[in-house]
Amino acid sequence: WRITMVNALLTEAGYIEIIRKKGVPFALYPIPSKFVEKKINKRTLQPQYIVTVDGEQYEVNYRNMIEIPGLAADGYSAYDPVSLLREALGLSLAAEQFSEEYFATGTHPVGVITYPEGLREDRRKSFEKDVRTKYSGLGKKERLMLLENNMKFEKVSIAPEEGQMIESRKFQVNEVARFFNVPPHKIMDLDRATWSNIEEMNISFVNDTIAPWIRNIEQAVMQSMIFKGEKEDGIYAEFDLNGLMRGRMADRYAAYAQGIQNGFLSPNEVRAMENRPAYDGGDSFRAPLNTGEVGKEQ
C-alpha cells in the first residue's frame, strides 16, 4: 500500500494487480504507474490496462486491477501532480540554489575598506592579496585587522532573512504541502502548533487528509475484490482509524455512554460505530429510571 500511495500521490494513479486462483483473489501485486498505460474502451467505457515490464507487455482487465486515482476532472484521466506543481517546485529549487550559491561564493560583502587618497594598481593588488590571506576564512574571522594610511573599515550589515531567504523557502515548502492537503505541523513547521492544539490538528489531519484517500481505496477494493454475494453477506472493506484517533477514545466513550444512558443510542449502534459485531439484546434502548414523561404520573 505504501508503494501504491507513493505512485498515487506523485503520478496520475496507483495500481495493484489482483492475482486470482479459480476466480478468487489470491494475492495483490503493486505495479509502478510508469509501467501501466491506461486506455478506455469506447464501447463499454471501461478501462483497460497495458502493463509493460522488461520489454514484455500484457493486458489486465479492469476487474483485475485496483486503481487508486488522483485528482481527475472526467473520472478517467487523472492529473499529473508534479506537472501541476511545476512552478511551485521550480521556485523552491531556485531558492535552494540561490541560498547555496550565496553562502558558497559570498554574494554579499561583509565590509568595505575605504582609502581617501586612492591606491596604485600594484599596491591595490598587493593589499587585496594580504587581506584574503590574513583575514578571510572561518578560522580567521576573529583576527584583529590592521589598517594604515588613513584606511577605514566599515561593516556592511545584512538581515538574516535576506541571506537565508527563510520566509521565501518556508512559503514554498508550505505551498507544496498545501497542494497535497498536508498541514504544516506534519512537515515539522510547528510555528503555530502548541501542546494544547496539536491533538486537534492531528485529528484534523486524519479527517481532512487521510480520510479522502481511504475512501478512494475502500471503494476501489469493494468494486474489484468483493463479489456481489459477499457484499450481501455483509463483507466490506474498511480501514480502522481508531489507532490514529486514539487520543480521543476517552471522549468518544464518554459520548457513547451518555447516548446510551439517555436513550438515543442503542448498544449495537455504538458497537457498529466502533466496528464491533452486534450482540443479542443490544438493539433495545435504555432510559434513566429517575426520569419520565413531563406531566405524566410515574
C-alpha atoms as a PDB file:
ATOM      1  CA  TRP A   1       0.000   0.000   0.000  1.00  0.00           C
ATOM      2  CA  ARG A   2       2.908   2.342   0.617  1.00  0.00           C
ATOM      3  CA  ILE A   3       4.201   1.726  -2.908  1.00  0.00           C
ATOM      4  CA  THR A   4       0.729   2.314  -4.298  1.00  0.00           C
ATOM      5  CA  MET A   5       0.232   5.544  -2.363  1.00  0.00           C
ATOM      6  CA  VAL A   6       3.610   6.929  -3.454  1.00  0.00           C
ATOM      7  CA  ASN A   7       2.551   6.377  -7.062  1.00  0.00           C
ATOM      8  CA  ALA A   8      -0.927   7.798  -6.448  1.00  0.00           C
ATOM      9  CA  LEU A   9       0.488  10.943  -4.849  1.00  0.00           C
ATOM     10  CA  LEU A  10       3.317  11.615  -7.309  1.00  0.00           C
ATOM     11  CA  THR A  11       1.815  10.343 -10.588  1.00  0.00           C
ATOM     12  CA  GLU A  12      -1.643  10.009 -12.094  1.00  0.00           C
ATOM     13  CA  ALA A  13      -2.633   6.915 -10.100  1.00  0.00           C
ATOM     14  CA  GLY A  14      -1.504   3.923  -8.086  1.00  0.00           C
ATOM     15  CA  TYR A  15      -2.121   0.410  -9.433  1.00  0.00           C
ATOM     16  CA  ILE A  16      -2.439  -3.018  -7.830  1.00  0.00           C
ATOM     17  CA  GLU A  17      -2.960  -6.125  -9.930  1.00  0.00           C
ATOM     18  CA  ILE A  18      -5.240  -8.772  -8.434  1.00  0.00           C
ATOM     19  CA  ILE A  19      -3.879 -12.298  -8.842  1.00  0.00           C
ATOM     20  CA  ARG A  20      -6.744 -14.804  -8.824  1.00  0.00           C
ATOM     21  CA  LYS A  21      -6.975 -18.556  -8.447  1.00  0.00           C
ATOM     22  CA  LYS A  22     -10.213 -20.079  -9.736  1.00  0.00           C
ATOM     23  CA  GLY A  23     -11.683 -16.586  -9.809  1.00  0.00           C
ATOM     24  CA  VAL A  24     -10.940 -15.892  -6.155  1.00  0.00           C
ATOM     25  CA  PRO A  25      -8.457 -13.104  -5.213  1.00  0.00           C
ATOM     26  CA  PHE A  26      -5.264 -14.794  -4.067  1.00  0.00           C
ATOM     27  CA  ALA A  27      -2.614 -12.047  -3.961  1.00  0.00           C
ATOM     28  CA  LEU A  28      -2.117  -8.343  -4.628  1.00  0.00           C
ATOM     29  CA  TYR A  29       0.785  -7.167  -6.779  1.00  0.00           C
ATOM     30  CA  PRO A  30       1.596  -3.422  -6.775  1.00  0.00           C
ATOM     31  CA  ILE A  31       2.707  -2.105 -10.158  1.00  0.00           C
ATOM     32  CA  PRO A  32       4.547   1.228 -10.507  1.00  0.00           C
ATOM     33  CA  SER A  33       2.475   3.570 -12.615  1.00  0.00           C
ATOM     34  CA  LYS A  34       5.309   4.097 -15.106  1.00  0.00           C
ATOM     35  CA  PHE A  35       4.749   0.504 -16.282  1.00  0.00           C
ATOM     36  CA  VAL A  36       0.995   0.974 -16.816  1.00  0.00           C
ATOM     37  CA  GLU A  37      -0.794   2.506 -19.791  1.00  0.00           C
ATOM     38  CA  LYS A  38      -4.499   3.078 -19.258  1.00  0.00           C
ATOM     39  CA  LYS A  39      -6.938   3.025 -22.160  1.00  0.00           C
ATOM     40  CA  ILE A  40     -10.693   3.497 -22.220  1.00  0.00           C
ATOM     41  CA  ASN A  41     -12.858   1.097 -24.243  1.00  0.00           C
ATOM     42  CA  LYS A  42     -15.042   3.420 -26.314  1.00  0.00           C
ATOM     43  CA  ARG A  43     -17.840   0.859 -26.493  1.00  0.00           C
ATOM     44  CA  THR A  44     -18.072  -0.173 -22.829  1.00  0.00           C
ATOM     45  CA  LEU A  45     -16.378   2.943 -21.347  1.00  0.00           C
ATOM     46  CA  GLN A  46     -14.454   0.557 -19.106  1.00  0.00           C
ATOM     47  CA  PRO A  47     -10.690   0.995 -18.620  1.00  0.00           C
ATOM     48  CA  GLN A  48      -8.134  -1.487 -19.914  1.00  0.00           C
ATOM     49  CA  TYR A  49      -4.568  -1.593 -18.630  1.00  0.00           C
ATOM     50  CA  ILE A  50      -1.466  -2.381 -20.682  1.00  0.00           C
ATOM     51  CA  VAL A  51       1.453  -3.348 -18.420  1.00  0.00           C
ATOM     52  CA  THR A  52       4.984  -3.277 -19.838  1.00  0.00           C
ATOM     53  CA  VAL A  53       7.756  -4.875 -17.797  1.00  0.00           C
ATOM     54  CA  ASP A  54      11.243  -5.640 -19.173  1.00  0.00           C
ATOM     55  CA  GLY A  55      10.012  -5.091 -22.730  1.00  0.00           C
ATOM     56  CA  GLU A  56       7.128  -7.544 -22.412  1.00  0.00           C
ATOM     57  CA  GLN A  57       3.502  -6.436 -22.493  1.00  0.00           C
ATOM     58  CA  TYR A  58       0.342  -7.964 -21.143  1.00  0.00           C
ATOM     59  CA  GLU A  59      -3.198  -6.685 -20.714  1.00  0.00           C
ATOM     60  CA  VAL A  60      -5.044  -6.553 -17.404  1.00  0.00           C
ATOM     61  CA  ASN A  61      -8.835  -6.459 -17.305  1.00  0.00           C
ATOM     62  CA  TYR A  62     -10.341  -3.703 -15.197  1.00  0.00           C
ATOM     63  CA  ARG A  63     -11.834  -6.321 -12.859  1.00  0.00           C
ATOM     64  CA  ASN A  64      -8.321  -7.478 -12.017  1.00  0.00           C
ATOM     65  CA  MET A  65      -6.816  -4.059 -11.362  1.00  0.00           C
ATOM     66  CA  ILE A  66      -7.273  -1.871  -8.310  1.00  0.00           C
ATOM     67  CA  GLU A  67      -6.737   1.726  -9.377  1.00  0.00           C
ATOM     68  CA  ILE A  68      -6.278   4.484  -6.803  1.00  0.00           C
ATOM     69  CA  PRO A  69      -6.675   7.607  -8.931  1.00  0.00           C
ATOM     70  CA  GLY A  70      -5.596  11.104  -8.088  1.00  0.00           C
ATOM     71  CA  LEU A  71      -7.407  14.324  -8.979  1.00  0.00           C
ATOM     72  CA  ALA A  72      -9.394  13.905 -12.201  1.00  0.00           C
ATOM     73  CA  ALA A  73     -11.868  16.153 -13.983  1.00  0.00           C
ATOM     74  CA  ASP A  74     -13.526  13.427 -16.077  1.00  0.00           C
ATOM     75  CA  GLY A  75     -13.259  10.453 -13.712  1.00  0.00           C
ATOM     76  CA  TYR A  76     -10.903   8.594 -16.060  1.00  0.00           C
ATOM     77  CA  SER A  77      -7.701  10.559 -16.647  1.00  0.00           C
ATOM     78  CA  ALA A  78      -6.111  11.985 -13.508  1.00  0.00           C
ATOM     79  CA  TYR A  79      -3.805  14.989 -13.493  1.00  0.00           C
ATOM     80  CA  ASP A  80      -0.068  14.630 -13.023  1.00  0.00           C
ATOM     81  CA  PRO A  81       0.625  16.383  -9.667  1.00  0.00           C
ATOM     82  CA  VAL A  82       4.269  17.102 -10.482  1.00  0.00           C
ATOM     83  CA  SER A  83       3.257  18.901 -13.682  1.00  0.00           C
ATOM     84  CA  LEU A  84       0.686  20.978 -11.808  1.00  0.00           C
ATOM     85  CA  LEU A  85       3.314  21.794  -9.194  1.00  0.00           C
ATOM     86  CA  ARG A  86       5.985  22.694 -11.738  1.00  0.00           C
ATOM     87  CA  GLU A  87       6.066  26.406 -10.872  1.00  0.00           C
ATOM     88  CA  ALA A  88       5.999  25.911  -7.090  1.00  0.00           C
ATOM     89  CA  LEU A  89       8.699  23.246  -7.275  1.00  0.00           C
ATOM     90  CA  GLY A  90      10.760  25.436  -9.597  1.00  0.00           C
ATOM     91  CA  LEU A  91      10.613  28.342  -7.145  1.00  0.00           C
ATOM     92  CA  SER A  92      11.654  26.031  -4.303  1.00  0.00           C
ATOM     93  CA  LEU A  93      14.623  24.724  -6.264  1.00  0.00           C
ATOM     94  CA  ALA A  94      15.609  28.266  -7.300  1.00  0.00           C
ATOM     95  CA  ALA A  95      15.510  29.455  -3.680  1.00  0.00           C
ATOM     96  CA  GLU A  96      17.585  26.451  -2.615  1.00  0.00           C
ATOM     97  CA  GLN A  97      20.156  27.082  -5.347  1.00  0.00           C
ATOM     98  CA  PHE A  98      20.361  30.795  -4.551  1.00  0.00           C
ATOM     99  CA  SER A  99      20.962  30.117  -0.851  1.00  0.00           C
ATOM    100  CA  GLU A 100      23.650  27.563  -1.660  1.00  0.00           C
ATOM    101  CA  GLU A 101      25.482  29.890  -4.048  1.00  0.00           C
ATOM    102  CA  TYR A 102      25.002  32.845  -1.705  1.00  0.00           C
ATOM    103  CA  PHE A 103      26.880  31.226   1.156  1.00  0.00           C
ATOM    104  CA  ALA A 104      29.344  29.352  -1.058  1.00  0.00           C
ATOM    105  CA  THR A 105      30.518  32.396  -3.028  1.00  0.00           C
ATOM    106  CA  GLY A 106      29.853  35.219  -0.583  1.00  0.00           C
ATOM    107  CA  THR A 107      27.389  37.193  -2.676  1.00  0.00           C
ATOM    108  CA  HIS A 108      27.199  39.975  -0.136  1.00  0.00           C
ATOM    109  CA  PRO A 109      30.410  41.660   1.137  1.00  0.00           C
ATOM    110  CA  VAL A 110      30.837  41.739   4.927  1.00  0.00           C
ATOM    111  CA  GLY A 111      32.578  45.116   4.890  1.00  0.00           C
ATOM    112  CA  VAL A 112      34.173  47.918   2.882  1.00  0.00           C
ATOM    113  CA  ILE A 113      37.675  49.350   3.274  1.00  0.00           C
ATOM    114  CA  THR A 114      37.995  52.963   2.179  1.00  0.00           C
ATOM    115  CA  TYR A 115      41.192  54.915   1.447  1.00  0.00           C
ATOM    116  CA  PRO A 116      40.712  58.625   0.738  1.00  0.00           C
ATOM    117  CA  GLU A 117      43.853  59.092  -1.332  1.00  0.00           C
ATOM    118  CA  GLY A 118      43.464  56.039  -3.568  1.00  0.00           C
ATOM    119  CA  LEU A 119      45.957  53.234  -4.320  1.00  0.00           C
ATOM    120  CA  ARG A 120      48.206  52.480  -7.258  1.00  0.00           C
ATOM    121  CA  GLU A 121      47.304  49.367  -9.208  1.00  0.00           C
ATOM    122  CA  ASP A 122      50.255  47.316  -7.917  1.00  0.00           C
ATOM    123  CA  ARG A 123      49.662  48.432  -4.323  1.00  0.00           C
ATOM    124  CA  ARG A 124      45.942  47.688  -4.551  1.00  0.00           C
ATOM    125  CA  LYS A 125      46.546  44.129  -5.799  1.00  0.00           C
ATOM    126  CA  SER A 126      49.087  43.540  -3.056  1.00  0.00           C
ATOM    127  CA  PHE A 127      46.681  44.860  -0.426  1.00  0.00           C
ATOM    128  CA  GLU A 128      43.808  42.655  -1.694  1.00  0.00           C
ATOM    129  CA  LYS A 129      46.084  39.625  -1.551  1.00  0.00           C
ATOM    130  CA  ASP A 130      47.139  40.433   2.012  1.00  0.00           C
ATOM    131  CA  VAL A 131      43.513  40.818   3.151  1.00  0.00           C
ATOM    132  CA  ARG A 132      42.452  37.486   1.633  1.00  0.00           C
ATOM    133  CA  THR A 133      45.482  35.666   3.015  1.00  0.00           C
ATOM    134  CA  LYS A 134      45.401  37.059   6.558  1.00  0.00           C
ATOM    135  CA  TYR A 135      41.744  37.708   7.314  1.00  0.00           C
ATOM    136  CA  SER A 136      39.454  35.633   5.083  1.00  0.00           C
ATOM    137  CA  GLY A 137      38.136  32.212   6.115  1.00  0.00           C
ATOM    138  CA  LEU A 138      36.220  30.909   9.112  1.00  0.00           C
ATOM    139  CA  GLY A 139      39.367  30.240  11.141  1.00  0.00           C
ATOM    140  CA  LYS A 140      40.497  33.853  10.777  1.00  0.00           C
ATOM    141  CA  LYS A 141      37.248  35.712  11.267  1.00  0.00           C
ATOM    142  CA  GLU A 142      38.137  36.931  14.799  1.00  0.00           C
ATOM    143  CA  ARG A 143      41.554  38.319  13.906  1.00  0.00           C
ATOM    144  CA  LEU A 144      42.267  41.970  14.511  1.00  0.00           C
ATOM    145  CA  MET A 145      42.628  43.785  11.193  1.00  0.00           C
ATOM    146  CA  LEU A 146      45.431  46.338  10.969  1.00  0.00           C
ATOM    147  CA  LEU A 147      44.964  49.227   8.571  1.00  0.00           C
ATOM    148  CA  GLU A 148      47.308  52.054   7.669  1.00  0.00           C
ATOM    149  CA  ASN A 149      47.467  55.366   5.866  1.00  0.00           C
ATOM    150  CA  ASN A 150      44.037  56.626   6.937  1.00  0.00           C
ATOM    151  CA  MET A 151      42.285  53.470   5.747  1.00  0.00           C
ATOM    152  CA  LYS A 152      38.873  52.825   7.336  1.00  0.00           C
ATOM    153  CA  PHE A 153      36.843  49.623   7.617  1.00  0.00           C
ATOM    154  CA  GLU A 154      33.055  49.856   7.596  1.00  0.00           C
ATOM    155  CA  LYS A 155      30.996  46.771   8.307  1.00  0.00           C
ATOM    156  CA  VAL A 156      28.108  46.070   5.934  1.00  0.00           C
ATOM    157  CA  SER A 157      25.071  44.830   7.824  1.00  0.00           C
ATOM    158  CA  ILE A 158      22.668  42.276   6.330  1.00  0.00           C
ATOM    159  CA  ALA A 159      19.382  40.982   7.636  1.00  0.00           C
ATOM    160  CA  PRO A 160      19.409  37.205   8.262  1.00  0.00           C
ATOM    161  CA  GLU A 161      16.188  36.827   6.266  1.00  0.00           C
ATOM    162  CA  GLU A 162      17.884  38.334   3.204  1.00  0.00           C
ATOM    163  CA  GLY A 163      20.789  35.908   3.260  1.00  0.00           C
ATOM    164  CA  GLN A 164      18.919  32.728   4.150  1.00  0.00           C
ATOM    165  CA  MET A 165      15.638  33.502   2.380  1.00  0.00           C
ATOM    166  CA  ILE A 166      13.912  31.892   5.341  1.00  0.00           C
ATOM    167  CA  GLU A 167      10.456  33.224   4.680  1.00  0.00           C
ATOM    168  CA  SER A 168      10.578  32.526   0.957  1.00  0.00           C
ATOM    169  CA  ARG A 169      11.760  28.955   1.386  1.00  0.00           C
ATOM    170  CA  LYS A 170       9.225  28.263   4.138  1.00  0.00           C
ATOM    171  CA  PHE A 171       6.428  29.621   1.956  1.00  0.00           C
ATOM    172  CA  GLN A 172       7.389  27.355  -0.937  1.00  0.00           C
ATOM    173  CA  VAL A 173       7.548  24.290   1.314  1.00  0.00           C
ATOM    174  CA  ASN A 174       4.098  25.108   2.678  1.00  0.00           C
ATOM    175  CA  GLU A 175       2.842  25.692  -0.855  1.00  0.00           C
ATOM    176  CA  VAL A 176       3.789  22.146  -1.875  1.00  0.00           C
ATOM    177  CA  ALA A 177       2.338  20.731   1.348  1.00  0.00           C
ATOM    178  CA  ARG A 178      -0.883  22.679   0.748  1.00  0.00           C
ATOM    179  CA  PHE A 179      -1.269  21.070  -2.671  1.00  0.00           C
ATOM    180  CA  PHE A 180      -1.239  17.621  -1.043  1.00  0.00           C
ATOM    181  CA  ASN A 181      -3.533  18.870   1.736  1.00  0.00           C
ATOM    182  CA  VAL A 182      -0.866  18.210   4.386  1.00  0.00           C
ATOM    183  CA  PRO A 183      -0.985  20.554   7.412  1.00  0.00           C
ATOM    184  CA  PRO A 184       2.228  22.430   8.306  1.00  0.00           C
ATOM    185  CA  HIS A 185       2.821  20.567  11.579  1.00  0.00           C
ATOM    186  CA  LYS A 186       3.180  17.325   9.588  1.00  0.00           C
ATOM    187  CA  ILE A 187       6.194  18.766   7.750  1.00  0.00           C
ATOM    188  CA  MET A 188       7.730  19.911  11.054  1.00  0.00           C
ATOM    189  CA  ASP A 189       6.569  23.528  10.736  1.00  0.00           C
ATOM    190  CA  LEU A 190       5.465  23.985  14.350  1.00  0.00           C
ATOM    191  CA  ASP A 191       5.218  27.784  14.423  1.00  0.00           C
ATOM    192  CA  ARG A 192       1.504  27.667  15.179  1.00  0.00           C
ATOM    193  CA  ALA A 193       1.386  24.312  16.955  1.00  0.00           C
ATOM    194  CA  THR A 194       1.098  24.119  20.724  1.00  0.00           C
ATOM    195  CA  TRP A 195       0.660  21.331  23.234  1.00  0.00           C
ATOM    196  CA  SER A 196      -2.976  22.372  23.594  1.00  0.00           C
ATOM    197  CA  ASN A 197      -3.913  22.166  19.908  1.00  0.00           C
ATOM    198  CA  ILE A 198      -1.581  19.519  18.427  1.00  0.00           C
ATOM    199  CA  GLU A 199      -4.083  16.765  19.223  1.00  0.00           C
ATOM    200  CA  GLU A 200      -6.872  18.620  17.438  1.00  0.00           C
ATOM    201  CA  MET A 201      -4.541  19.226  14.487  1.00  0.00           C
ATOM    202  CA  ASN A 202      -3.717  15.518  14.265  1.00  0.00           C
ATOM    203  CA  ILE A 203      -7.418  14.630  14.270  1.00  0.00           C
ATOM    204  CA  SER A 204      -7.978  17.222  11.546  1.00  0.00           C
ATOM    205  CA  PHE A 205      -5.166  15.595   9.546  1.00  0.00           C
ATOM    206  CA  VAL A 206      -6.913  12.224   9.770  1.00  0.00           C
ATOM    207  CA  ASN A 207     -10.321  13.643   8.800  1.00  0.00           C
ATOM    208  CA  ASP A 208      -9.236  16.054   6.074  1.00  0.00           C
ATOM    209  CA  THR A 209      -6.119  14.472   4.541  1.00  0.00           C
ATOM    210  CA  ILE A 210      -6.140  10.720   5.136  1.00  0.00           C
ATOM    211  CA  ALA A 211      -9.895  10.037   5.069  1.00  0.00           C
ATOM    212  CA  PRO A 212     -10.497  11.096   1.411  1.00  0.00           C
ATOM    213  CA  TRP A 213      -7.732   8.766   0.206  1.00  0.00           C
ATOM    214  CA  ILE A 214      -9.035   5.983   2.418  1.00  0.00           C
ATOM    215  CA  ARG A 215     -12.486   6.296   0.888  1.00  0.00           C
ATOM    216  CA  ASN A 216     -10.924   6.006  -2.584  1.00  0.00           C
ATOM    217  CA  ILE A 217      -9.126   2.816  -1.584  1.00  0.00           C
ATOM    218  CA  GLU A 218     -12.150   1.298   0.143  1.00  0.00           C
ATOM    219  CA  GLN A 219     -14.365   1.923  -2.881  1.00  0.00           C
ATOM    220  CA  ALA A 220     -11.745   0.529  -5.286  1.00  0.00           C
ATOM    221  CA  VAL A 221     -11.356  -2.625  -3.188  1.00  0.00           C
ATOM    222  CA  MET A 222     -15.132  -3.052  -2.887  1.00  0.00           C
ATOM    223  CA  GLN A 223     -15.516  -2.713  -6.642  1.00  0.00           C
ATOM    224  CA  SER A 224     -12.726  -5.069  -7.708  1.00  0.00           C
ATOM    225  CA  MET A 225     -12.313  -7.666  -4.969  1.00  0.00           C
ATOM    226  CA  ILE A 226     -15.619  -8.255  -3.204  1.00  0.00           C
ATOM    227  CA  PHE A 227     -18.320 -10.123  -5.100  1.00  0.00           C
ATOM    228  CA  LYS A 228     -21.983  -9.192  -5.061  1.00  0.00           C
ATOM    229  CA  GLY A 229     -22.924 -12.168  -2.907  1.00  0.00           C
ATOM    230  CA  GLU A 230     -20.207 -11.319  -0.403  1.00  0.00           C
ATOM    231  CA  LYS A 231     -21.485  -7.746  -0.178  1.00  0.00           C
ATOM    232  CA  GLU A 232     -24.963  -9.091   0.532  1.00  0.00           C
ATOM    233  CA  ASP A 233     -23.443 -11.190   3.322  1.00  0.00           C
ATOM    234  CA  GLY A 234     -22.088  -8.032   4.925  1.00  0.00           C
ATOM    235  CA  ILE A 235     -18.463  -8.297   3.792  1.00  0.00           C
ATOM    236  CA  TYR A 236     -16.916  -4.906   3.148  1.00  0.00           C
ATOM    237  CA  ALA A 237     -13.559  -3.111   3.066  1.00  0.00           C
ATOM    238  CA  GLU A 238     -12.876  -0.501   5.707  1.00  0.00           C
ATOM    239  CA  PHE A 239      -9.822   0.992   7.365  1.00  0.00           C
ATOM    240  CA  ASP A 240      -9.796   1.035  11.145  1.00  0.00           C
ATOM    241  CA  LEU A 241      -8.711   4.548  12.139  1.00  0.00           C
ATOM    242  CA  ASN A 242      -9.075   4.043  15.879  1.00  0.00           C
ATOM    243  CA  GLY A 243      -5.308   3.872  16.261  1.00  0.00           C
ATOM    244  CA  LEU A 244      -4.925   7.334  14.708  1.00  0.00           C
ATOM    245  CA  MET A 245      -7.802   8.707  16.785  1.00  0.00           C
ATOM    246  CA  ARG A 246      -6.517   7.138  19.989  1.00  0.00           C
ATOM    247  CA  GLY A 247      -6.171  10.477  21.734  1.00  0.00           C
ATOM    248  CA  ARG A 248      -9.932  10.983  21.539  1.00  0.00           C
ATOM    249  CA  MET A 249     -11.021   7.491  22.632  1.00  0.00           C
ATOM    250  CA  ALA A 250     -11.980   8.640  26.142  1.00  0.00           C
ATOM    251  CA  ASP A 251     -14.117  11.444  24.689  1.00  0.00           C
ATOM    252  CA  ARG A 252     -15.860   9.048  22.295  1.00  0.00           C
ATOM    253  CA  TYR A 253     -16.620   6.535  25.030  1.00  0.00           C
ATOM    254  CA  ALA A 254     -17.990   9.272  27.275  1.00  0.00           C
ATOM    255  CA  ALA A 255     -20.286  10.449  24.450  1.00  0.00           C
ATOM    256  CA  TYR A 256     -21.399   6.866  23.747  1.00  0.00           C
ATOM    257  CA  ALA A 257     -22.217   6.320  27.421  1.00  0.00           C
ATOM    258  CA  GLN A 258     -24.263   9.499  27.509  1.00  0.00           C
ATOM    259  CA  GLY A 259     -26.122   8.478  24.350  1.00  0.00           C
ATOM    260  CA  ILE A 260     -26.970   5.031  25.722  1.00  0.00           C
ATOM    261  CA  GLN A 261     -27.981   6.336  29.138  1.00  0.00           C
ATOM    262  CA  ASN A 262     -30.287   8.974  27.622  1.00  0.00           C
ATOM    263  CA  GLY A 263     -31.902   6.536  25.240  1.00  0.00           C
ATOM    264  CA  PHE A 264     -30.992   7.975  21.821  1.00  0.00           C
ATOM    265  CA  LEU A 265     -28.323   5.338  21.055  1.00  0.00           C
ATOM    266  CA  SER A 266     -28.568   1.587  21.417  1.00  0.00           C
ATOM    267  CA  PRO A 267     -25.535  -0.530  22.412  1.00  0.00           C
ATOM    268  CA  ASN A 268     -25.458  -2.187  18.989  1.00  0.00           C
ATOM    269  CA  GLU A 269     -25.458   1.196  17.236  1.00  0.00           C
ATOM    270  CA  VAL A 270     -22.431   2.159  19.298  1.00  0.00           C
ATOM    271  CA  ARG A 271     -20.739  -1.169  18.530  1.00  0.00           C
ATOM    272  CA  ALA A 272     -21.344  -0.620  14.808  1.00  0.00           C
ATOM    273  CA  MET A 273     -19.665   2.793  15.006  1.00  0.00           C
ATOM    274  CA  GLU A 274     -16.668   1.090  16.649  1.00  0.00           C
ATOM    275  CA  ASN A 275     -16.584  -1.719  14.039  1.00  0.00           C
ATOM    276  CA  ARG A 276     -17.644  -4.359  16.543  1.00  0.00           C
ATOM    277  CA  PRO A 277     -20.264  -7.064  15.953  1.00  0.00           C
ATOM    278  CA  ALA A 278     -23.752  -6.760  17.378  1.00  0.00           C
ATOM    279  CA  TYR A 279     -24.981  -8.956  20.216  1.00  0.00           C
ATOM    280  CA  ASP A 280     -28.414 -10.289  21.133  1.00  0.00           C
ATOM    281  CA  GLY A 281     -30.386  -7.763  23.110  1.00  0.00           C
ATOM    282  CA  GLY A 282     -28.199  -4.874  22.082  1.00  0.00           C
ATOM    283  CA  ASP A 283     -30.842  -3.206  19.908  1.00  0.00           C
ATOM    284  CA  SER A 284     -33.002  -2.095  22.831  1.00  0.00           C
ATOM    285  CA  PHE A 285     -32.846   1.467  24.090  1.00  0.00           C
ATOM    286  CA  ARG A 286     -32.212   2.411  27.709  1.00  0.00           C
ATOM    287  CA  ALA A 287     -33.647   5.273  29.731  1.00  0.00           C
ATOM    288  CA  PRO A 288     -32.787   6.536  33.230  1.00  0.00           C
ATOM    289  CA  LEU A 289     -35.205   5.228  35.881  1.00  0.00           C
ATOM    290  CA  ASN A 290     -35.377   8.615  37.578  1.00  0.00           C
ATOM    291  CA  THR A 291     -36.832  10.368  34.511  1.00  0.00           C
ATOM    292  CA  GLY A 292     -40.239  10.264  32.963  1.00  0.00           C
ATOM    293  CA  GLU A 293     -42.620  11.996  30.603  1.00  0.00           C
ATOM    294  CA  VAL A 294     -43.487  15.568  31.600  1.00  0.00           C
ATOM    295  CA  GLY A 295     -46.977  15.836  33.166  1.00  0.00           C
ATOM    296  CA  LYS A 296     -47.437  12.076  33.439  1.00  0.00           C
ATOM    297  CA  GLU A 297     -47.577  10.252  36.755  1.00  0.00           C
ATOM    298  CA  GLN A 298     -44.955   7.555  37.236  1.00  0.00           C
END
